[in-house]
Protein backbone atom coordinates (compact mmCIF):
# COMPACT_ATOMS: atom_id res chain seq x y z
CA UNK A 1 74.45 -78.91 -26.63
CA UNK A 2 74.15 -77.91 -22.98
CA UNK A 3 74.17 -74.33 -21.89
CA UNK A 4 75.98 -73.50 -18.74
CA UNK A 5 75.04 -70.91 -16.17
CA UNK A 6 77.94 -68.79 -17.43
CA UNK A 7 76.53 -68.90 -20.97
CA UNK A 8 73.11 -67.86 -19.68
CA UNK A 9 74.61 -64.99 -17.69
CA UNK A 10 76.59 -63.84 -20.75
CA UNK A 11 73.44 -63.86 -22.91
CA UNK A 12 71.54 -61.99 -20.22
CA UNK A 13 74.32 -59.40 -19.93
CA UNK A 14 74.41 -58.89 -23.71
CA UNK A 15 70.63 -58.58 -23.82
CA UNK A 16 70.66 -56.02 -21.00
CA UNK A 17 73.42 -53.97 -22.66
CA UNK A 18 71.40 -53.97 -25.90
CA UNK A 19 68.24 -52.96 -24.05
CA UNK A 20 70.04 -50.12 -22.27
CA UNK A 21 71.49 -48.93 -25.59
CA UNK A 22 68.10 -48.97 -27.33
CA UNK A 23 66.51 -47.22 -24.36
CA UNK A 24 69.15 -44.48 -24.30
CA UNK A 25 68.86 -43.90 -28.05
CA UNK A 26 65.07 -43.70 -27.73
CA UNK A 27 65.36 -41.21 -24.86
CA UNK A 28 67.84 -39.08 -26.80
CA UNK A 29 65.50 -39.06 -29.80
CA UNK A 30 62.54 -37.98 -27.67
CA UNK A 31 64.62 -35.21 -26.09
CA UNK A 32 65.75 -34.02 -29.53
CA UNK A 33 62.15 -34.02 -30.79
CA UNK A 34 61.01 -32.04 -27.73
CA UNK A 35 63.84 -29.53 -28.22
CA UNK A 36 62.91 -29.16 -31.89
CA UNK A 37 59.26 -28.54 -31.07
CA UNK A 38 60.23 -25.93 -28.47
CA UNK A 39 62.55 -24.18 -30.95
CA UNK A 40 59.80 -24.14 -33.59
CA UNK A 41 57.37 -22.73 -31.03
CA UNK A 42 59.80 -19.96 -30.08
CA UNK A 43 60.48 -19.16 -33.74
CA UNK A 44 56.76 -18.92 -34.48
CA UNK A 45 56.24 -16.61 -31.50
CA UNK A 46 59.14 -14.43 -32.67
CA UNK A 47 57.93 -14.25 -36.27
CA UNK A 48 54.38 -13.42 -35.19
CA UNK A 49 55.58 -10.58 -32.97
CA UNK A 50 57.82 -8.82 -35.50
CA UNK A 51 56.41 -5.41 -36.46
CA UNK A 52 57.24 -5.91 -40.15
CA UNK A 53 55.47 -8.15 -42.62
CA UNK A 54 57.14 -11.58 -42.59
CA UNK A 55 56.64 -14.32 -45.16
CA UNK A 56 58.68 -17.52 -45.01
CA UNK A 57 58.99 -20.08 -47.79
CA UNK A 58 60.41 -23.55 -48.22
CA UNK A 59 63.31 -24.28 -50.58
CA UNK A 60 60.86 -24.50 -53.50
CA UNK A 61 59.47 -21.00 -52.91
CA UNK A 62 56.15 -22.20 -51.42
CA UNK A 63 54.78 -20.22 -48.50
CA UNK A 64 55.13 -21.84 -45.08
CA UNK A 65 54.29 -18.90 -42.79
CA UNK A 66 52.91 -15.36 -42.89
CA UNK A 67 52.56 -13.13 -39.86
CA UNK A 68 49.41 -11.06 -39.39
CA UNK A 69 50.87 -7.93 -41.00
CA UNK A 70 51.89 -9.90 -44.11
CA UNK A 71 48.39 -11.38 -44.25
CA UNK A 72 46.90 -7.88 -44.01
CA UNK A 73 49.15 -6.38 -46.68
CA UNK A 74 48.72 -9.24 -49.15
CA UNK A 75 45.06 -9.91 -48.44
CA UNK A 76 45.80 -13.63 -48.11
CA UNK A 77 45.02 -15.49 -44.88
CA UNK A 78 47.66 -17.98 -43.73
CA UNK A 79 45.49 -21.05 -44.34
CA UNK A 80 44.88 -20.05 -47.97
CA UNK A 81 48.44 -18.92 -48.70
CA UNK A 82 50.24 -21.96 -47.24
CA UNK A 83 51.77 -24.11 -49.95
CA UNK A 84 51.26 -21.54 -52.73
CA UNK A 85 54.13 -20.10 -54.73
CA UNK A 86 55.43 -16.80 -53.30
CA UNK A 87 54.92 -15.09 -56.69
CA UNK A 88 51.21 -15.84 -56.49
CA UNK A 89 50.89 -14.08 -53.13
CA UNK A 90 53.51 -11.34 -53.19
CA UNK A 91 54.57 -9.28 -56.18
CA UNK A 92 57.40 -6.76 -56.01
CA UNK A 93 56.73 -3.57 -57.95
CA UNK A 94 59.36 -1.04 -59.04
CA UNK A 95 58.60 2.24 -57.23
CA UNK A 96 59.42 4.40 -60.26
CA UNK A 97 58.07 2.39 -63.19
CA UNK A 98 55.26 0.65 -61.27
CA UNK A 99 56.21 -2.47 -63.26
CA UNK A 100 56.56 -5.84 -61.63
CA UNK A 101 60.12 -6.74 -60.71
CA UNK A 102 61.40 -10.26 -61.26
CA UNK A 103 62.06 -12.11 -57.99
CA UNK A 104 65.06 -14.39 -57.73
């Protein structure tokens, strides 16, 4: 089977369209990743600067972040608290009975 110049040009055009598509998707992904990193950076700065104790957890209740005041009040440094269950680090006590309250 002989390929004509028109067939070659069509293949080249299809290849170039595919390459442009892949390139644009890759660029969009990189821009989204950069935006996500910037948002995480801003969130971390905000959480660190709050004057109250802040502890964040994942969906399973494991600690992901503690600002410096939370570290001071709990006695747990961030690197030791990360990944531990919130109940292990922070216990809520009833002000009147001084008994531990159940967290939900």
